Amino acid sequence: MRPRADAALLSVVLGCVGVRADAPPGEGDASPPAPGRQRELVSVEPQELAATSGEIAPLGPGRFLIRSPTLRAELGRTPRGAAELEFVYLGPTTADAPLASGELRRQIGLKLRARDTCNVVYVMWHIEPAARVVVSVKSNPGQSRHAECGDRGYSVLAPTSSEPTPAVAQGQAHVLGAEVRGRELWVTIDGKPSWVGRLPAEAFEFDGPVGVRSDNGEFNVALRAERLAPR
């Protein structure tokens, strides 16, 4: 599917949920607060993201395509406490890249407090083999490069409350949001609370920007992040 076809699909899908795919820059930049949200979010332009793995293909103001089997990207270096990922799942990538464990997983999600590849909080929406939201902390003190930490240091967190995660069908639009509130992490799906839990102490031993991660799926994406206070 080429960018023009992707844009057409996006217009149809987002039109059904009341979002304009062709909104001009500045229109709709500020996302209305979700239930309980404490921070204002603003649209992120594709060129503001730095991809450390995979590629981002710009698709108009505030939107981009992911076609790489693996995508890792961050927004600058300034920490932000909240982000929101609006995406349309376009289907599997043409080539697969199993995880280091050997599992073939299709997923997309947010990176929080991402100091580097060895120290980061992940909020991931698993699409296949099973639909679920998984929150994990990757902590490797003293290490910062993949060659040093590999896939070590992961801790999967248990929520204090959660809701079932809906399955994601090709062509569907969804929104995954995450916000750190003190020691707690609040995750929303399509504006509704989905996962709430306490972050462990090691998640606060590092800090960094928000970002995007995906594996083995093609997506049409818009990222919104906490508005930074004027200097």
Protein backbone atom coordinates (compact mmCIF):
# COMPACT_ATOMS: atom_id res chain seq x y z
CA MET A 1 0.00 0.00 0.00
CA ARG A 2 1.54 3.33 -1.10
CA PRO A 3 1.27 6.69 0.75
CA ARG A 4 -1.58 7.97 -1.45
CA ALA A 5 -3.61 4.82 -0.81
CA ASP A 6 -2.75 5.03 2.88
CA ALA A 7 -3.99 8.60 3.00
CA ALA A 8 -7.27 7.61 1.35
CA LEU A 9 -7.77 4.76 3.80
CA LEU A 10 -6.95 7.07 6.68
CA SER A 11 -9.49 9.67 5.56
CA VAL A 12 -12.24 7.04 5.51
CA VAL A 13 -11.31 5.49 8.83
CA LEU A 14 -10.75 8.72 10.73
CA GLY A 15 -13.84 10.24 9.20
CA CYS A 16 -15.84 7.54 10.93
CA VAL A 17 -14.45 8.60 14.31
CA GLY A 18 -14.74 12.33 13.66
CA VAL A 19 -11.07 13.15 12.97
CA ARG A 20 -9.95 15.04 9.88
CA ALA A 21 -6.93 13.44 8.21
CA ASP A 22 -6.35 16.60 6.14
CA ALA A 23 -6.52 19.12 8.99
CA PRO A 24 -4.10 22.01 8.32
CA PRO A 25 -1.13 22.61 10.63
CA GLY A 26 -2.25 24.06 13.93
CA GLU A 27 -5.83 22.82 13.64
CA GLY A 28 -6.45 20.26 16.33
CA ASP A 29 -2.88 20.52 17.69
CA ALA A 30 -4.09 20.50 21.27
CA SER A 31 -5.72 17.24 22.24
CA PRO A 32 -8.79 17.61 24.50
CA PRO A 33 -8.25 16.13 27.95
CA ALA A 34 -9.12 12.46 28.34
CA PRO A 35 -10.88 11.49 31.57
CA GLY A 36 -8.54 12.50 34.36
CA ARG A 37 -5.74 13.69 32.09
CA GLN A 38 -3.59 16.32 33.78
CA ARG A 39 -1.31 17.49 30.97
CA GLU A 40 -2.00 19.24 27.65
CA LEU A 41 -0.79 17.37 24.59
CA VAL A 42 0.35 18.87 21.29
CA SER A 43 0.98 17.36 17.87
CA VAL A 44 4.47 16.12 17.00
CA GLU A 45 5.77 16.56 13.46
CA PRO A 46 7.58 13.60 11.87
CA GLN A 47 10.82 15.57 11.48
CA GLU A 48 10.94 16.12 15.24
CA LEU A 49 11.47 12.39 15.82
CA ALA A 50 14.90 10.78 15.68
CA ALA A 51 14.74 7.14 14.60
CA THR A 52 17.45 4.93 16.10
CA SER A 53 16.07 1.84 14.33
CA GLY A 54 13.85 1.67 11.25
CA GLU A 55 12.47 4.55 9.23
CA ILE A 56 9.66 7.09 9.47
CA ALA A 57 7.91 8.21 6.28
CA PRO A 58 6.18 11.62 6.65
CA LEU A 59 2.55 11.68 5.53
CA GLY A 60 1.27 15.25 5.82
CA PRO A 61 1.18 17.49 8.89
CA GLY A 62 1.52 15.56 12.12
CA ARG A 63 1.29 12.08 10.55
CA PHE A 64 3.77 9.46 9.42
CA LEU A 65 3.96 5.89 8.17
CA ILE A 66 5.82 2.99 9.76
CA ARG A 67 6.74 0.15 7.41
CA SER A 68 9.96 -1.09 9.01
CA PRO A 69 9.83 -4.42 10.86
CA THR A 70 11.35 -2.60 13.85
CA LEU A 71 10.95 1.09 14.68
CA ARG A 72 12.48 2.93 17.62
CA ALA A 73 12.25 6.72 17.72
CA GLU A 74 12.46 9.46 20.34
CA LEU A 75 11.27 13.05 20.59
CA GLY A 76 14.29 15.23 21.39
CA ARG A 77 16.01 14.78 24.76
CA THR A 78 13.69 16.69 27.10
CA PRO A 79 11.61 14.50 29.44
CA ARG A 80 7.83 14.67 29.07
CA GLY A 81 5.36 13.05 31.42
CA ALA A 82 2.60 12.18 28.95
CA ALA A 83 2.11 11.10 25.35
CA GLU A 84 -0.59 9.72 23.08
CA LEU A 85 -0.31 7.57 19.98
CA GLU A 86 -3.12 7.61 17.41
CA PHE A 87 -2.67 4.85 14.87
CA VAL A 88 -4.30 2.92 12.07
CA TYR A 89 -3.06 -0.66 11.75
CA LEU A 90 -2.31 -1.37 8.08
CA GLY A 91 -1.32 -5.02 8.47
CA PRO A 92 1.88 -7.07 8.91
CA THR A 93 5.19 -5.88 7.49
CA THR A 94 6.44 -7.57 4.32
CA ALA A 95 9.37 -9.01 6.31
CA ASP A 96 9.31 -10.18 9.92
CA ALA A 97 11.83 -9.48 12.67
CA PRO A 98 11.35 -11.79 15.68
CA LEU A 99 12.22 -10.39 19.10
CA ALA A 100 15.45 -11.42 20.80
CA SER A 101 13.48 -14.14 22.60
CA GLY A 102 12.48 -15.59 19.23
CA GLU A 103 8.82 -14.57 19.61
CA LEU A 104 7.15 -13.03 16.57
CA ARG A 105 5.02 -10.25 18.00
CA ARG A 106 3.11 -7.48 16.23
CA GLN A 107 2.85 -4.43 18.46
CA ILE A 108 3.01 -0.68 18.76
CA GLY A 109 3.46 1.53 21.76
CA LEU A 110 5.04 4.39 23.64
CA LYS A 111 8.47 4.86 25.15
CA LEU A 112 8.56 6.90 28.38
CA ARG A 113 11.51 8.22 30.41
CA ALA A 114 13.75 6.88 27.62
CA ARG A 115 17.26 7.76 28.70
CA ASP A 116 18.69 5.26 26.21
CA THR A 117 18.02 1.79 24.78
CA CYS A 118 18.98 0.15 28.09
CA ASN A 119 16.87 2.29 30.41
CA VAL A 120 13.26 3.00 29.39
CA VAL A 121 9.63 2.47 30.32
CA TYR A 122 7.50 0.79 27.63
CA VAL A 123 3.73 0.92 27.21
CA MET A 124 2.98 -1.57 24.44
CA TRP A 125 -0.25 -2.62 22.75
CA HIS A 126 0.21 -6.21 21.57
CA ILE A 127 -1.80 -6.93 18.43
CA GLU A 128 -0.65 -10.50 17.72
CA PRO A 129 -0.45 -13.24 18.88
CA ALA A 130 -2.81 -11.93 21.59
CA ALA A 131 -4.32 -8.50 22.23
CA ARG A 132 -3.19 -6.96 25.50
CA VAL A 133 -1.50 -3.91 27.00
CA VAL A 134 1.87 -4.66 28.59
CA VAL A 135 3.83 -2.16 30.68
CA SER A 136 7.47 -2.93 31.36
CA VAL A 137 10.55 -1.23 32.75
CA LYS A 138 13.94 -1.92 31.19
CA SER A 139 16.58 -0.97 33.74
CA ASN A 140 20.32 -1.53 33.32
CA PRO A 141 22.27 0.87 35.54
CA GLY A 142 25.60 1.91 34.09
CA GLN A 143 24.74 0.65 30.61
CA SER A 144 23.49 2.70 27.65
CA ARG A 145 24.18 0.74 24.45
CA HIS A 146 22.35 -2.30 23.06
CA ALA A 147 25.67 -4.12 22.81
CA GLU A 148 25.92 -3.84 26.60
CA CYS A 149 22.38 -4.69 27.74
CA GLY A 150 20.78 -6.60 24.86
CA ASP A 151 17.33 -7.76 25.97
CA ARG A 152 18.26 -7.92 29.66
CA GLY A 153 16.81 -5.87 32.51
CA TYR A 154 13.09 -6.13 31.68
CA SER A 155 10.45 -6.20 34.42
CA VAL A 156 6.80 -6.62 33.40
CA LEU A 157 4.55 -4.65 35.76
CA ALA A 158 1.27 -5.80 37.23
CA PRO A 159 -1.54 -3.23 37.26
CA THR A 160 -3.57 -2.25 40.31
CA SER A 161 -6.55 -2.03 37.95
CA SER A 162 -7.08 -2.84 34.29
CA GLU A 163 -9.67 -3.46 31.57
CA PRO A 164 -9.68 -6.00 28.73
CA THR A 165 -7.69 -4.89 25.69
CA PRO A 166 -9.68 -4.82 22.43
CA ALA A 167 -8.40 -6.70 19.41
CA VAL A 168 -7.03 -4.55 16.58
CA ALA A 169 -8.24 -5.24 13.05
CA GLN A 170 -6.56 -4.01 9.89
CA GLY A 171 -7.85 -0.56 8.96
CA GLN A 172 -9.04 0.30 12.47
CA ALA A 173 -8.09 3.55 14.21
CA HIS A 174 -7.18 3.52 17.90
CA VAL A 175 -5.52 5.82 20.44
CA LEU A 176 -3.08 4.66 23.11
CA GLY A 177 -2.25 7.18 25.82
CA ALA A 178 0.09 7.13 28.83
CA GLU A 179 0.73 9.60 31.63
CA VAL A 180 3.02 9.45 34.66
CA ARG A 181 1.32 10.90 37.75
CA GLY A 182 3.71 10.90 40.66
CA ARG A 183 4.62 7.23 41.11
CA GLU A 184 1.65 5.96 39.13
CA LEU A 185 1.26 5.30 35.42
CA TRP A 186 -2.15 5.77 33.80
CA VAL A 187 -2.78 4.15 30.42
CA THR A 188 -5.83 4.87 28.26
CA ILE A 189 -7.24 3.18 25.17
CA ASP A 190 -9.49 5.31 22.98
CA GLY A 191 -9.83 7.83 25.80
CA LYS A 192 -10.87 5.33 28.48
CA PRO A 193 -8.73 4.08 31.40
CA SER A 194 -7.21 0.72 30.52
CA TRP A 195 -4.24 0.12 32.87
CA VAL A 196 -3.29 1.83 36.11
CA GLY A 197 -0.32 0.80 38.21
CA ARG A 198 2.59 1.93 40.33
CA LEU A 199 6.00 2.32 38.73
CA PRO A 200 8.88 0.72 40.65
CA ALA A 201 11.75 2.71 42.13
CA GLU A 202 14.11 1.73 39.29
CA ALA A 203 11.87 3.56 36.78
CA PHE A 204 12.83 6.82 38.52
CA GLU A 205 16.55 6.16 38.54
CA PHE A 206 16.65 7.42 34.94
CA ASP A 207 14.69 9.88 32.82
CA GLY A 208 14.45 10.97 29.22
CA PRO A 209 12.12 11.76 26.33
CA VAL A 210 9.01 10.02 25.05
CA GLY A 211 9.04 8.05 21.84
CA VAL A 212 7.50 5.37 19.66
CA ARG A 213 8.23 1.68 19.28
CA SER A 214 6.71 -0.83 16.85
CA ASP A 215 7.47 -4.38 15.75
CA ASN A 216 6.34 -6.30 12.67
CA GLY A 217 3.40 -4.08 11.77
CA GLU A 218 2.70 -1.26 9.32
CA PHE A 219 0.98 1.75 10.85
CA ASN A 220 -0.30 5.20 9.98
CA VAL A 221 0.53 7.24 13.06
CA ALA A 222 0.10 10.57 14.80
CA LEU A 223 2.02 11.25 18.02
CA ARG A 224 1.05 13.83 20.59
CA ALA A 225 3.21 14.72 23.58
CA GLU A 226 3.07 16.92 26.64
CA ARG A 227 3.45 20.61 25.80
CA LEU A 228 6.70 21.95 27.22
CA ALA A 229 6.53 25.05 29.40
CA PRO A 230 8.01 28.18 27.75
CA ARG A 231 11.55 28.91 28.78
